[in-house]
Amino acid sequence: MGIKALFCILFIISLSHSILSKPGDKKPSGLTLKLIHRDSIESNDLSRIEKFRKIVDRSKLRANSLMSLTAASEENPTEVQPPFSYKSSSYVVHISVGTPPTVDSYLILDTAAELTWLQCDGCIGCFKQEQRLYNPDDSSTYKLVPCDHPLCEPYECNHNHCKFKEWDSPDVHVEGFMSIDRFDFDRYGFERNSTVLDEVVFGCAYGTVGFGFEDNPDNNIDGVFGLGPGPRSFASQFAPQGVFGYCLADWHFEPPDSPSKLMFGDDALLPISGHVQITPIVETDTRSYFLKLADISVATKCLGFEPGKFDRAINGHGGFIIDSGTSISYFAKDVYDRVRQVLVDYMKTLGLPEMDASSHHLDLCWSMPNGIPSHLPSMALYFQDNEYPDEPADCGNEVGAQLIINPLSLFHIEEKENPHLCLGIMPTNGTDPKLNILGAKQQTYTKFLFNGQNKTLSWTTWDCASPPN
């Protein structure tokens, strides 16, 4: 069926639905959702180590996908980048859509995508999913977004209905109609209790290509939950300033036992008391959150990287990003090699012998013949302090916004079978070998606050089992 014929059919169907009115319902001041690790909802008979390898392999795929989003180098402006892969993402959000709730959906959390979308009934060429497709005709609160709505810009207009098309790469795209309906969210910490939000603008997808779920007959992912910068982001719809935050549950050699937390509005705010660090988010033309990292210390040893080492180059390569979808961290090889050597030397002082890490699909592991040592090393990342923009961050003088990565976040620790620990960082190896990624493992025990309006990232040490603020 041609695309024009498809849109004509959709137009006829849409005549039975009313047009979007301006939202007038009062939203709650704060919202906390369960942030669910994908492996905890996928049914399989894998062993603990097999699950861990799967997480690491998915993390490598995610890192390569993020590299594909960087600009082609000036020397090779037409170089072919690998397609972005959503199947590599780690966390999902569970929602019910419609009135009455017509479908239960798991949406991939993406802090780099602005638009939230899910596949709709009648979708052509879409990836398979276990849950039935969302059908707008089954919901009494479904509406179509008109072309003059501010969230339609710069999308196309089709018979006074807003038609979207999003490209993640030349081989990955989604299209459909901008829509509105009621979203029902599971509230964190409340059994059989939920928060219902009316007038949520999202994409009703009638065509998806290249999202990577096609080869999984048991796929339970229905779409994307967008938290990237921009007015269509769910964070911007919930709060005008685009404030959202999260804390990630710790995990070692298997998925976390408890859900992580995704917070909006007042729930995302950090406590007034406590040591809060703030760094600016570097504005770029890509989908990722770039930060201005200055230096790194490992086991209190300042590595002393030259100024600008972690800046994004003019050709779009390199830089330092924070990404919850990448399970472990990735450092450019020369950076990783210096971190690695400090750790190797330090572990020798603790009497921990190195062991083969290939069975974990990692690079560096140590045996713990006498259990966990009492003085495992930490890592500190020194970022530009938002409060002092003219004062460069300095590891040697401990100046700047510091993110302390404690040993439980730095290493994967196995206490039961053959006690050992492994470094949760790998060297970058892909189309952008100078890119550095702070992954989910190294973000545990911390609450992060993203402020889209002020373009800042704040954080403080946090127990993810604690109340929102």
Protein backbone atom coordinates (compact mmCIF):
# COMPACT_ATOMS: atom_id res chain seq x y z
CA MET A 1 0.00 0.00 0.00
CA GLY A 2 1.36 3.43 -0.95
CA ILE A 3 2.03 5.99 1.76
CA LYS A 4 -0.57 8.40 0.31
CA ALA A 5 -3.23 5.70 0.42
CA LEU A 6 -2.26 4.89 3.99
CA PHE A 7 -2.69 8.48 5.13
CA CYS A 8 -6.04 8.73 3.34
CA ILE A 9 -7.27 5.70 5.27
CA LEU A 10 -5.97 7.17 8.52
CA PHE A 11 -7.69 10.46 7.74
CA ILE A 12 -11.05 8.72 7.28
CA ILE A 13 -10.56 6.85 10.57
CA SER A 14 -9.62 10.07 12.32
CA LEU A 15 -12.90 11.79 11.47
CA SER A 16 -14.57 9.84 14.27
CA HIS A 17 -12.26 11.44 16.84
CA SER A 18 -12.46 14.93 18.25
CA ILE A 19 -9.67 17.45 17.88
CA LEU A 20 -7.25 18.29 20.66
CA SER A 21 -8.22 21.02 23.07
CA LYS A 22 -5.74 22.90 25.19
CA PRO A 23 -4.85 21.05 28.41
CA GLY A 24 -6.69 22.47 31.40
CA ASP A 25 -6.47 19.72 33.98
CA LYS A 26 -4.31 20.33 37.02
CA LYS A 27 -1.33 18.00 37.19
CA PRO A 28 0.19 16.74 40.44
CA SER A 29 3.20 18.75 41.59
CA GLY A 30 5.39 15.66 41.62
CA LEU A 31 5.44 12.18 40.16
CA THR A 32 7.64 9.14 40.85
CA LEU A 33 7.53 6.14 38.54
CA LYS A 34 9.06 2.70 38.61
CA LEU A 35 12.05 2.52 36.29
CA ILE A 36 12.28 -1.14 35.37
CA HIS A 37 15.37 -2.99 34.15
CA ARG A 38 14.55 -4.82 30.93
CA ASP A 39 16.02 -8.14 32.07
CA SER A 40 13.61 -8.26 34.99
CA ILE A 41 10.60 -8.44 32.64
CA GLU A 42 12.06 -10.78 30.04
CA SER A 43 11.41 -14.47 30.62
CA ASN A 44 14.45 -16.70 30.12
CA ASP A 45 16.31 -19.58 31.73
CA LEU A 46 19.73 -17.97 31.68
CA SER A 47 22.19 -18.44 34.52
CA ARG A 48 23.45 -15.45 36.51
CA ILE A 49 26.66 -15.21 34.49
CA GLU A 50 24.74 -15.57 31.21
CA LYS A 51 22.43 -12.73 32.27
CA PHE A 52 25.45 -10.63 33.14
CA ARG A 53 27.10 -11.29 29.76
CA LYS A 54 23.85 -10.31 28.07
CA ILE A 55 23.82 -7.00 29.98
CA VAL A 56 27.47 -6.30 29.04
CA ASP A 57 26.90 -7.21 25.40
CA ARG A 58 23.83 -4.97 25.26
CA SER A 59 25.90 -2.19 26.83
CA LYS A 60 28.52 -2.52 24.08
CA LEU A 61 25.78 -2.31 21.47
CA ARG A 62 24.36 0.78 23.16
CA ALA A 63 27.80 2.44 23.26
CA ASN A 64 28.28 1.78 19.56
CA SER A 65 24.83 3.21 18.89
CA LEU A 66 25.66 6.41 20.78
CA MET A 67 28.84 6.73 18.72
CA SER A 68 26.72 6.52 15.59
CA LEU A 69 24.95 9.72 16.66
CA THR A 70 28.14 11.78 16.57
CA ALA A 71 28.86 13.76 13.43
CA ALA A 72 30.93 12.31 10.61
CA SER A 73 34.50 13.54 10.76
CA GLU A 74 35.61 16.42 8.60
CA GLU A 75 38.08 14.08 6.90
CA ASN A 76 35.26 11.64 6.05
CA PRO A 77 32.04 13.68 5.82
CA THR A 78 30.19 10.84 4.08
CA GLU A 79 31.34 7.99 6.31
CA VAL A 80 28.59 5.46 6.98
CA GLN A 81 27.56 5.19 10.62
CA PRO A 82 25.92 2.07 12.09
CA PRO A 83 22.17 2.43 12.79
CA PHE A 84 21.02 3.48 16.24
CA SER A 85 19.79 0.43 18.18
CA TYR A 86 16.98 0.72 20.71
CA LYS A 87 17.24 -2.96 21.61
CA SER A 88 20.46 -2.05 23.41
CA SER A 89 18.71 0.20 25.97
CA SER A 90 18.40 -1.03 29.56
CA TYR A 91 15.38 0.60 31.25
CA VAL A 92 11.65 0.67 30.53
CA VAL A 93 8.59 2.48 31.88
CA HIS A 94 5.24 0.69 32.28
CA ILE A 95 2.10 2.61 31.31
CA SER A 96 -1.53 1.99 30.45
CA VAL A 97 -3.09 4.13 27.73
CA GLY A 98 -6.67 5.15 27.03
CA THR A 99 -10.10 5.26 28.66
CA PRO A 100 -10.73 2.63 29.74
CA PRO A 101 -7.05 1.58 29.72
CA THR A 102 -6.88 -0.33 26.46
CA VAL A 103 -3.29 -1.61 26.53
CA ASP A 104 -0.44 -2.10 28.98
CA SER A 105 2.78 -0.93 27.37
CA TYR A 106 6.49 -1.09 28.14
CA LEU A 107 8.28 1.88 26.62
CA ILE A 108 12.06 2.15 26.31
CA LEU A 109 13.37 5.08 28.35
CA ASP A 110 15.43 7.36 26.13
CA THR A 111 16.95 10.56 27.53
CA ALA A 112 18.07 11.39 23.99
CA ALA A 113 14.62 11.24 22.32
CA GLU A 114 12.11 14.06 22.62
CA LEU A 115 8.93 12.33 21.47
CA THR A 116 7.10 9.57 23.35
CA TRP A 117 5.46 7.15 20.92
CA LEU A 118 3.95 3.67 20.74
CA GLN A 119 2.87 1.42 17.90
CA CYS A 120 -0.81 1.65 16.99
CA ASP A 121 -3.29 -0.76 15.48
CA GLY A 122 -2.97 -0.73 11.70
CA CYS A 123 0.79 -0.21 11.87
CA ILE A 124 2.45 -1.27 8.60
CA GLY A 125 5.87 -2.94 8.67
CA CYS A 126 6.16 -2.50 12.44
CA PHE A 127 8.13 -4.76 14.76
CA LYS A 128 6.26 -7.54 16.54
CA GLN A 129 5.24 -7.12 20.17
CA GLU A 130 3.68 -9.49 22.70
CA GLN A 131 1.01 -7.03 23.84
CA ARG A 132 -1.79 -6.15 21.47
CA LEU A 133 -1.41 -2.89 19.61
CA TYR A 134 -3.01 0.27 20.97
CA ASN A 135 -6.23 1.03 19.07
CA PRO A 136 -7.39 4.68 19.25
CA ASP A 137 -10.96 3.59 18.48
CA ASP A 138 -11.11 1.76 21.83
CA SER A 139 -10.44 4.89 23.88
CA SER A 140 -13.08 7.52 24.59
CA THR A 141 -10.39 10.10 25.46
CA TYR A 142 -8.30 9.77 22.29
CA LYS A 143 -7.89 12.92 20.20
CA LEU A 144 -5.80 14.01 17.25
CA VAL A 145 -3.44 16.99 17.41
CA PRO A 146 -4.39 19.78 14.97
CA CYS A 147 -1.78 21.41 12.79
CA ASP A 148 -1.97 24.75 14.62
CA HIS A 149 -1.01 23.21 17.96
CA PRO A 150 2.39 24.47 19.22
CA LEU A 151 3.70 20.91 19.63
CA CYS A 152 3.10 20.22 15.95
CA GLU A 153 5.87 22.57 14.83
CA PRO A 154 7.87 21.67 12.70
CA TYR A 155 5.97 18.51 11.72
CA GLU A 156 3.87 18.22 8.57
CA CYS A 157 0.14 18.80 8.25
CA ASN A 158 -2.15 16.16 6.79
CA HIS A 159 -5.82 17.16 6.46
CA ASN A 160 -5.46 19.42 9.53
CA HIS A 161 -3.91 16.60 11.53
CA CYS A 162 -0.31 16.75 12.72
CA LYS A 163 1.82 14.03 11.10
CA PHE A 164 5.23 13.27 12.62
CA LYS A 165 8.30 11.54 11.27
CA GLU A 166 11.40 11.01 13.37
CA TRP A 167 14.76 9.81 12.00
CA ASP A 168 17.28 8.30 14.42
CA SER A 169 19.60 7.37 11.56
CA PRO A 170 19.16 6.77 7.82
CA ASP A 171 18.04 3.22 8.62
CA VAL A 172 15.92 3.88 11.74
CA HIS A 173 12.75 5.96 11.65
CA VAL A 174 9.17 6.12 12.91
CA GLU A 175 6.11 7.96 11.55
CA GLY A 176 2.48 8.44 12.42
CA PHE A 177 0.08 11.01 13.84
CA MET A 178 0.55 13.25 16.85
CA SER A 179 -2.16 12.26 19.31
CA ILE A 180 -3.47 12.79 22.81
CA ASP A 181 -4.85 10.40 25.38
CA ARG A 182 -4.87 9.51 29.06
CA PHE A 183 -1.73 7.85 30.49
CA ASP A 184 -1.96 5.70 33.61
CA PHE A 185 1.37 5.27 35.44
CA ASP A 186 2.35 2.82 38.17
CA ARG A 187 3.38 4.86 41.22
CA TYR A 188 6.57 3.80 42.91
CA GLY A 189 5.97 2.19 46.29
CA PHE A 190 2.20 1.86 45.88
CA GLU A 191 0.64 -1.50 45.10
CA ARG A 192 -2.43 -1.26 42.88
CA ASN A 193 -2.20 2.50 42.94
CA SER A 194 -1.51 4.71 39.98
CA THR A 195 -1.40 8.27 38.75
CA VAL A 196 -3.59 9.20 35.79
CA LEU A 197 -2.52 12.08 33.57
CA ASP A 198 -4.91 13.46 30.97
CA GLU A 199 -4.00 15.30 27.80
CA VAL A 200 -0.62 13.63 27.24
CA VAL A 201 0.68 14.38 23.74
CA PHE A 202 2.42 11.43 22.09
CA GLY A 203 3.01 9.81 18.73
CA CYS A 204 0.64 7.13 17.47
CA ALA A 205 3.00 5.23 15.16
CA TYR A 206 1.74 3.65 11.94
CA GLY A 207 5.17 2.84 10.53
CA THR A 208 8.46 1.85 12.20
CA VAL A 209 11.70 0.78 10.52
CA GLY A 210 14.97 -0.56 11.92
CA PHE A 211 14.37 -0.52 15.68
CA GLY A 212 16.00 -3.90 16.22
CA PHE A 213 13.15 -5.79 17.88
CA GLU A 214 12.18 -7.67 14.72
CA ASP A 215 14.32 -10.72 15.55
CA ASN A 216 12.71 -11.29 18.97
CA PRO A 217 9.35 -13.08 18.78
CA ASP A 218 8.82 -12.51 22.53
CA ASN A 219 9.47 -8.76 22.37
CA ASN A 220 7.51 -6.83 25.01
CA ILE A 221 8.65 -3.33 24.00
CA ASP A 222 5.92 -1.19 22.40
CA GLY A 223 7.67 2.12 21.80
CA VAL A 224 9.79 4.91 23.29
CA PHE A 225 9.37 7.15 26.36
CA GLY A 226 11.14 10.36 25.38
CA LEU A 227 12.96 12.48 27.97
CA GLY A 228 15.28 14.42 25.70
CA PRO A 229 15.38 18.21 25.58
CA GLY A 230 12.48 19.90 23.80
CA PRO A 231 8.82 20.84 24.36
CA ARG A 232 7.39 17.46 23.28
CA SER A 233 9.41 15.59 25.92
CA PHE A 234 7.28 14.11 28.69
CA ALA A 235 9.40 16.04 31.20
CA SER A 236 8.49 19.32 29.46
CA GLN A 237 4.81 18.40 29.28
CA PHE A 238 4.70 17.56 32.99
CA ALA A 239 6.67 20.64 34.12
CA PRO A 240 7.40 23.67 31.91
CA GLN A 241 11.03 23.83 33.05
CA GLY A 242 11.63 20.26 31.86
CA VAL A 243 12.79 18.96 35.25
CA PHE A 244 13.23 15.25 35.74
CA GLY A 245 15.50 13.04 37.79
CA TYR A 246 16.31 9.45 38.56
CA CYS A 247 18.17 7.17 40.90
CA LEU A 248 19.31 3.75 39.69
CA ALA A 249 19.15 0.63 41.85
CA ASP A 250 22.51 -1.07 42.33
CA TRP A 251 23.29 -4.35 40.60
CA HIS A 252 26.32 -6.59 40.32
CA PHE A 253 26.22 -9.87 38.36
CA GLU A 254 22.50 -9.94 37.63
CA PRO A 255 19.67 -7.40 37.10
CA PRO A 256 18.68 -5.36 40.17
CA ASP A 257 16.16 -6.91 42.57
CA SER A 258 14.23 -3.66 43.08
CA PRO A 259 13.06 -1.03 40.56
CA SER A 260 14.87 2.21 40.08
CA LYS A 261 13.01 5.54 40.29
CA LEU A 262 12.12 8.08 37.63
CA MET A 263 10.95 11.40 39.06
CA PHE A 264 9.27 14.53 37.71
CA GLY A 265 8.43 17.97 39.06
CA ASP A 266 8.78 18.40 42.81
CA ASP A 267 9.71 14.74 43.29
CA ALA A 268 12.81 15.25 41.18
CA LEU A 269 14.15 18.14 43.27
CA LEU A 270 17.20 17.55 45.43
CA PRO A 271 17.10 18.23 49.19
CA ILE A 272 18.17 21.64 50.40
CA SER A 273 20.38 19.98 52.99
CA GLY A 274 23.20 17.84 51.70
CA HIS A 275 26.16 18.28 49.40
CA VAL A 276 24.60 19.08 46.01
CA GLN A 277 26.89 19.38 42.98
CA ILE A 278 25.90 21.26 39.80
CA THR A 279 27.51 21.26 36.36
CA PRO A 280 26.31 22.78 33.07
CA ILE A 281 24.99 20.56 30.30
CA VAL A 282 26.97 21.38 27.18
CA GLU A 283 24.69 22.39 24.32
CA THR A 284 25.30 20.35 21.18
CA ASP A 285 23.47 19.38 18.04
CA THR A 286 23.20 15.74 19.12
CA ARG A 287 20.64 13.88 21.23
CA SER A 288 22.96 13.11 24.15
CA TYR A 289 23.68 14.99 27.39
CA PHE A 290 27.30 16.15 27.12
CA LEU A 291 29.11 17.31 30.27
CA LYS A 292 32.33 19.27 30.71
CA LEU A 293 34.64 16.80 32.48
CA ALA A 294 38.05 18.17 33.44
CA ASP A 295 39.89 15.36 35.25
CA ILE A 296 39.68 12.03 37.06
CA SER A 297 41.15 10.72 40.28
CA VAL A 298 41.40 7.03 41.18
CA ALA A 299 42.19 5.87 44.70
CA THR A 300 42.87 9.54 45.59
CA LYS A 301 45.51 9.71 42.82
CA CYS A 302 44.86 12.63 40.45
CA LEU A 303 45.49 11.51 36.89
CA GLY A 304 46.14 15.06 35.67
CA PHE A 305 44.66 15.01 32.17
CA GLU A 306 45.47 18.02 30.02
CA PRO A 307 42.86 20.82 29.78
CA GLY A 308 40.24 20.13 27.11
CA LYS A 309 40.96 16.40 27.06
CA PHE A 310 37.27 15.52 27.43
CA ASP A 311 35.84 18.32 25.28
CA ARG A 312 33.88 17.48 22.15
CA ALA A 313 35.94 18.21 19.04
CA ILE A 314 34.86 20.55 16.26
CA ASN A 315 34.23 17.55 14.00
CA GLY A 316 31.71 16.22 16.55
CA HIS A 317 33.82 13.39 17.93
CA GLY A 318 34.88 12.77 21.52
CA GLY A 319 33.45 14.41 24.61
CA PHE A 320 31.86 13.03 27.78
CA ILE A 321 28.20 12.04 28.06
CA ILE A 322 25.98 10.65 30.81
CA ASP A 323 23.63 7.88 29.69
CA SER A 324 21.38 5.66 31.80
CA GLY A 325 20.82 3.25 28.90
CA THR A 326 24.44 2.09 28.83
CA SER A 327 24.87 -0.41 31.66
CA ILE A 328 28.61 0.09 32.19
CA SER A 329 30.93 3.00 31.42
CA TYR A 330 33.23 3.45 28.45
CA PHE A 331 36.38 5.58 28.40
CA ALA A 332 38.56 6.47 25.43
CA LYS A 333 41.40 3.94 25.33
CA ASP A 334 44.18 6.27 26.44
CA VAL A 335 42.00 7.43 29.36
CA TYR A 336 41.02 3.87 30.21
CA ASP A 337 44.63 2.66 30.12
CA ARG A 338 45.67 5.23 32.75
CA VAL A 339 42.70 4.37 34.98
CA ARG A 340 43.43 0.67 34.52
CA GLN A 341 47.09 0.97 35.49
CA VAL A 342 46.32 2.85 38.70
CA LEU A 343 43.81 0.17 39.70
CA VAL A 344 46.17 -2.68 38.84
CA ASP A 345 48.89 -1.13 41.00
CA TYR A 346 46.45 -0.44 43.85
CA MET A 347 45.00 -3.96 43.87
CA LYS A 348 48.52 -5.38 44.20
CA THR A 349 48.86 -3.52 47.51
CA LEU A 350 45.68 -5.30 48.66
CA GLY A 351 47.03 -8.68 47.62
CA LEU A 352 44.29 -9.29 45.06
CA PRO A 353 45.46 -11.41 42.09
CA GLU A 354 44.16 -10.64 38.62
CA MET A 355 41.95 -13.25 36.97
CA ASP A 356 40.67 -13.88 33.48
CA ALA A 357 37.85 -11.41 32.76
CA SER A 358 36.88 -12.77 29.35
CA SER A 359 34.21 -15.08 30.80
CA HIS A 360 32.36 -11.92 31.92
CA HIS A 361 32.99 -10.16 28.58
CA LEU A 362 34.94 -7.54 30.54
CA ASP A 363 38.60 -6.52 30.65
CA LEU A 364 39.71 -6.50 34.28
CA CYS A 365 38.80 -8.75 37.22
CA TRP A 366 40.46 -9.76 40.49
CA SER A 367 40.02 -12.78 42.74
CA MET A 368 39.10 -12.15 46.41
CA PRO A 369 40.46 -15.22 48.23
CA ASN A 370 39.87 -13.62 51.65
CA GLY A 371 36.59 -11.86 50.93
CA ILE A 372 35.98 -8.19 50.20
CA PRO A 373 38.91 -5.97 51.28
CA SER A 374 38.04 -3.12 53.60
CA HIS A 375 39.76 -0.45 51.49
CA LEU A 376 38.62 -0.81 47.90
CA PRO A 377 39.34 2.28 45.79
CA SER A 378 36.84 4.92 44.69
CA MET A 379 36.88 7.20 41.65
CA ALA A 380 36.14 10.93 41.47
CA LEU A 381 35.12 12.80 38.33
CA TYR A 382 35.81 16.56 38.32
CA PHE A 383 33.33 18.59 36.26
CA GLN A 384 33.04 22.31 35.59
CA ASP A 385 31.22 23.86 38.55
CA ASN A 386 28.10 25.69 37.37
CA GLU A 387 28.43 28.20 40.22
CA TYR A 388 31.95 29.21 39.13
CA PRO A 389 31.96 29.13 35.31
CA ASP A 390 35.19 31.13 35.04
CA GLU A 391 37.13 28.88 37.41
CA PRO A 392 38.38 25.73 35.67
CA ALA A 393 37.87 22.44 37.49
CA ASP A 394 41.13 21.19 38.99
CA CYS A 395 41.65 17.67 40.27
CA GLY A 396 44.90 18.51 42.05
CA ASN A 397 43.29 21.28 44.10
CA GLU A 398 39.92 19.51 44.30
CA VAL A 399 38.12 22.36 42.55
CA GLY A 400 34.94 21.73 40.59
CA ALA A 401 31.74 19.72 40.83
CA GLN A 402 32.77 16.26 42.03
CA LEU A 403 30.96 13.01 41.32
CA ILE A 404 32.26 10.38 43.74
CA ILE A 405 31.91 6.82 42.42
CA ASN A 406 32.16 4.53 45.43
CA PRO A 407 33.53 0.96 45.20
CA LEU A 408 30.06 -0.61 45.01
CA SER A 409 29.36 1.53 41.95
CA LEU A 410 32.81 1.19 40.41
CA PHE A 411 33.03 -2.61 40.58
CA HIS A 412 30.79 -5.63 40.02
CA ILE A 413 31.30 -7.71 43.17
CA GLU A 414 30.61 -11.44 43.51
CA GLU A 415 30.61 -12.68 47.11
CA LYS A 416 28.98 -16.10 46.74
CA GLU A 417 30.59 -18.26 44.06
CA ASN A 418 34.35 -17.92 43.57
CA PRO A 419 34.49 -14.45 45.22
CA HIS A 420 35.84 -11.84 42.85
CA LEU A 421 35.24 -8.34 41.54
CA CYS A 422 35.39 -6.78 38.07
CA LEU A 423 35.83 -3.21 36.89
CA GLY A 424 32.57 -1.90 35.38
CA ILE A 425 34.40 0.19 32.77
CA MET A 426 35.63 -0.78 29.31
CA PRO A 427 37.72 0.99 26.66
CA THR A 428 35.78 2.66 23.84
CA ASN A 429 36.09 0.79 20.57
CA GLY A 430 33.92 1.93 17.70
CA THR A 431 33.26 4.69 15.20
CA ASP A 432 34.06 7.40 17.77
CA PRO A 433 36.96 5.98 19.83
CA LYS A 434 37.44 9.26 21.74
CA LEU A 435 33.91 9.28 23.17
CA ASN A 436 33.55 8.76 26.95
CA ILE A 437 30.28 7.46 28.43
CA LEU A 438 29.24 7.43 32.09
CA GLY A 439 27.04 4.33 32.30
CA ALA A 440 24.30 3.24 34.69
CA LYS A 441 26.46 1.13 37.02
CA GLN A 442 28.66 4.10 37.89
CA GLN A 443 25.55 6.26 38.51
CA THR A 444 24.18 4.12 41.34
CA TYR A 445 23.91 5.51 44.91
CA THR A 446 23.31 8.96 43.40
CA LYS A 447 20.21 10.99 42.60
CA PHE A 448 20.50 13.05 39.42
CA LEU A 449 18.40 16.09 38.50
CA PHE A 450 18.20 17.27 34.87
CA ASN A 451 16.97 20.83 34.38
CA GLY A 452 16.11 21.39 30.73
CA GLN A 453 15.41 25.09 31.14
CA ASN A 454 18.62 25.97 32.98
CA LYS A 455 20.61 23.30 31.11
CA THR A 456 22.22 21.95 34.26
CA LEU A 457 22.77 18.55 35.84
CA SER A 458 22.75 18.33 39.64
CA TRP A 459 23.39 15.37 41.90
CA THR A 460 23.85 14.23 45.45
CA THR A 461 24.63 10.94 47.18
CA TRP A 462 21.39 9.01 47.57
CA ASP A 463 19.90 5.76 48.75
CA CYS A 464 17.45 4.75 46.02
CA ALA A 465 15.17 3.22 48.65
CA SER A 466 14.67 6.67 50.20
CA PRO A 467 11.57 8.85 49.58
CA PRO A 468 11.87 11.15 46.52
CA ASN A 469 13.13 14.17 48.51
